Amino acid sequence: MLATLQTLHSIVRWVVLPDLLVALVLCAVALRSAGAWSPVHKITAIAGLAATDLQWVLGAILWAQSPMVLAARADMGTAMRDPVLRFFAVEHPTMMVLAVIAVHVGYAKAKRAVDGAAAHKAILIGYGLGLLLMVAAVPWPFRGLVGRPLLPW
């Protein structure tokens, strides 16, 4: 089951990142042209939010069940000196939780915005910060010891 969750978590990343990017681009274009907050903007924002939430749930389950993380949590002193254990037990989940919070705050502010410009700005700030944190916290293949393949197969 753990391998299936890791595979799914790795695949869903390729849904989350483009969803957030599309929402950002649409809002940037609309803000530049003084466009209104339209159903297309709302749908793309919700798609990014939903994909982010799904990814967070998968990651939280993995964090709770991963033997590597369980070992790290059993001896945090040792884990903090090991870059791989520290990354997967502390750095990755912390940055991802902050990213999820940023996306949620961005959507909440957009939903309550009084006009299209305010909604687009809220998405640009919240989703932009969330996307930046996510990209920084993904274990990309070039990240040395913590790197993982781009695709799980």
Protein backbone atom coordinates (compact mmCIF):
# COMPACT_ATOMS: atom_id res chain seq x y z
CA MET A 1 0.00 0.00 0.00
CA LEU A 2 2.85 2.39 0.80
CA ALA A 3 4.35 1.96 -2.68
CA THR A 4 0.95 2.67 -4.26
CA LEU A 5 0.54 5.83 -2.18
CA GLN A 6 4.04 7.02 -3.10
CA THR A 7 3.32 6.42 -6.78
CA LEU A 8 0.01 8.23 -6.57
CA HIS A 9 1.59 11.11 -4.64
CA SER A 10 4.27 11.39 -7.31
CA ILE A 11 1.73 11.36 -10.16
CA VAL A 12 -0.66 13.87 -8.57
CA ARG A 13 2.20 16.37 -8.43
CA TRP A 14 1.86 16.56 -12.24
CA VAL A 15 -1.77 17.59 -11.77
CA VAL A 16 -1.21 20.12 -8.97
CA LEU A 17 1.64 22.10 -10.49
CA PRO A 18 -0.01 22.71 -13.91
CA ASP A 19 -3.40 23.42 -12.28
CA LEU A 20 -1.89 26.15 -10.11
CA LEU A 21 0.14 27.50 -13.02
CA VAL A 22 -2.95 27.72 -15.27
CA ALA A 23 -4.90 29.53 -12.54
CA LEU A 24 -1.99 31.95 -12.11
CA VAL A 25 -1.65 32.66 -15.82
CA LEU A 26 -5.39 33.20 -16.30
CA CYS A 27 -5.55 35.58 -13.35
CA ALA A 28 -2.44 37.46 -14.48
CA VAL A 29 -3.90 37.95 -17.96
CA ALA A 30 -7.28 38.99 -16.55
CA LEU A 31 -5.70 41.42 -14.08
CA ARG A 32 -3.62 42.99 -16.83
CA SER A 33 -6.69 43.47 -19.03
CA ALA A 34 -8.97 44.49 -16.12
CA GLY A 35 -11.05 41.38 -16.65
CA ALA A 36 -13.81 40.32 -14.32
CA TRP A 37 -13.71 37.27 -12.05
CA SER A 38 -15.41 34.84 -14.40
CA PRO A 39 -16.58 31.23 -14.06
CA VAL A 40 -13.42 30.12 -15.88
CA HIS A 41 -11.27 31.77 -13.22
CA LYS A 42 -13.34 30.24 -10.44
CA ILE A 43 -13.22 26.75 -11.99
CA THR A 44 -9.46 26.83 -12.50
CA ALA A 45 -8.93 28.17 -8.99
CA ILE A 46 -11.12 25.42 -7.52
CA ALA A 47 -9.33 22.77 -9.62
CA GLY A 48 -5.99 23.97 -8.27
CA LEU A 49 -7.34 24.02 -4.73
CA ALA A 50 -8.85 20.52 -5.01
CA ALA A 51 -5.70 19.04 -6.54
CA THR A 52 -3.62 20.67 -3.81
CA ASP A 53 -5.88 19.24 -1.12
CA LEU A 54 -5.74 15.75 -2.63
CA GLN A 55 -1.96 15.92 -2.77
CA TRP A 56 -1.82 17.10 0.84
CA VAL A 57 -4.02 14.22 2.02
CA LEU A 58 -1.86 11.68 0.17
CA GLY A 59 1.28 13.26 1.61
CA ALA A 60 -0.13 13.31 5.15
CA ILE A 61 -0.98 9.61 4.92
CA LEU A 62 2.51 8.87 3.61
CA TRP A 63 4.10 10.95 6.36
CA ALA A 64 2.14 9.05 9.00
CA GLN A 65 3.02 5.60 7.57
CA SER A 66 6.47 5.91 6.01
CA PRO A 67 9.07 3.75 7.78
CA MET A 68 11.70 6.42 7.06
CA VAL A 69 9.62 9.15 8.69
CA LEU A 70 8.64 6.90 11.59
CA ALA A 71 12.31 6.19 12.23
CA ALA A 72 13.10 9.89 12.05
CA ARG A 73 10.32 10.77 14.46
CA ALA A 74 11.54 8.10 16.89
CA ASP A 75 14.89 9.87 17.20
CA MET A 76 14.61 13.46 16.02
CA GLY A 77 18.09 14.35 17.25
CA THR A 78 19.66 11.87 14.86
CA ALA A 79 17.15 12.69 12.12
CA MET A 80 18.04 16.38 12.20
CA ARG A 81 21.68 15.51 11.48
CA ASP A 82 20.73 13.29 8.51
CA PRO A 83 19.78 15.39 5.46
CA VAL A 84 17.50 12.74 3.95
CA LEU A 85 15.60 12.02 7.16
CA ARG A 86 15.37 15.73 7.96
CA PHE A 87 14.07 16.53 4.48
CA PHE A 88 11.29 13.92 4.46
CA ALA A 89 10.35 14.18 8.14
CA VAL A 90 10.51 17.96 8.58
CA GLU A 91 11.43 20.17 5.61
CA HIS A 92 9.20 18.71 2.89
CA PRO A 93 6.03 18.43 5.00
CA THR A 94 6.51 21.84 6.63
CA MET A 95 6.96 23.65 3.32
CA MET A 96 4.06 21.76 1.77
CA VAL A 97 1.72 22.60 4.66
CA LEU A 98 2.70 26.26 4.26
CA ALA A 99 2.03 25.95 0.51
CA VAL A 100 -1.42 24.46 1.13
CA ILE A 101 -2.20 27.27 3.58
CA ALA A 102 -1.11 29.89 1.02
CA VAL A 103 -3.35 28.35 -1.66
CA HIS A 104 -6.31 28.21 0.73
CA VAL A 105 -5.84 31.80 1.88
CA GLY A 106 -5.55 32.93 -1.75
CA TYR A 107 -8.77 31.20 -2.72
CA ALA A 108 -10.63 32.40 0.39
CA LYS A 109 -9.62 36.00 -0.29
CA ALA A 110 -10.58 35.66 -3.97
CA LYS A 111 -13.96 34.23 -3.05
CA ARG A 112 -14.67 37.19 -0.76
CA ALA A 113 -13.19 39.83 -3.04
CA VAL A 114 -15.36 42.81 -3.92
CA ASP A 115 -14.22 43.00 -7.53
CA GLY A 116 -12.39 41.03 -10.19
CA ALA A 117 -9.07 42.81 -9.70
CA ALA A 118 -8.99 41.97 -5.98
CA ALA A 119 -9.88 38.35 -6.70
CA HIS A 120 -7.17 38.02 -9.34
CA LYS A 121 -4.59 39.61 -7.02
CA ALA A 122 -5.56 37.21 -4.23
CA ILE A 123 -5.06 34.20 -6.50
CA LEU A 124 -1.79 35.58 -7.84
CA ILE A 125 -0.39 36.09 -4.35
CA GLY A 126 -1.76 32.94 -2.67
CA TYR A 127 -1.31 30.51 -5.52
CA GLY A 128 1.98 32.09 -6.53
CA LEU A 129 3.42 31.71 -3.03
CA GLY A 130 2.00 28.19 -2.78
CA LEU A 131 3.48 27.19 -6.12
CA LEU A 132 6.85 28.68 -5.21
CA LEU A 133 6.92 26.74 -1.92
CA MET A 134 5.87 23.53 -3.66
CA VAL A 135 8.52 23.80 -6.35
CA ALA A 136 11.13 24.49 -3.68
CA ALA A 137 10.08 21.48 -1.58
CA VAL A 138 9.64 18.82 -4.28
CA PRO A 139 12.40 16.18 -4.19
CA TRP A 140 13.46 16.84 -7.78
CA PRO A 141 16.01 14.39 -9.27
CA PHE A 142 18.79 17.02 -9.19
CA ARG A 143 18.46 17.48 -5.40
CA GLY A 144 21.14 14.95 -4.59
CA LEU A 145 20.42 12.59 -1.70
CA VAL A 146 16.76 13.56 -1.39
CA GLY A 147 16.08 13.53 -5.13
CA ARG A 148 13.42 11.26 -6.55
CA PRO A 149 12.60 10.42 -10.20
CA LEU A 150 10.28 12.73 -12.15
CA LEU A 151 7.96 9.80 -12.81
CA PRO A 152 7.55 6.86 -10.43
CA TRP A 153 8.03 4.13 -13.02
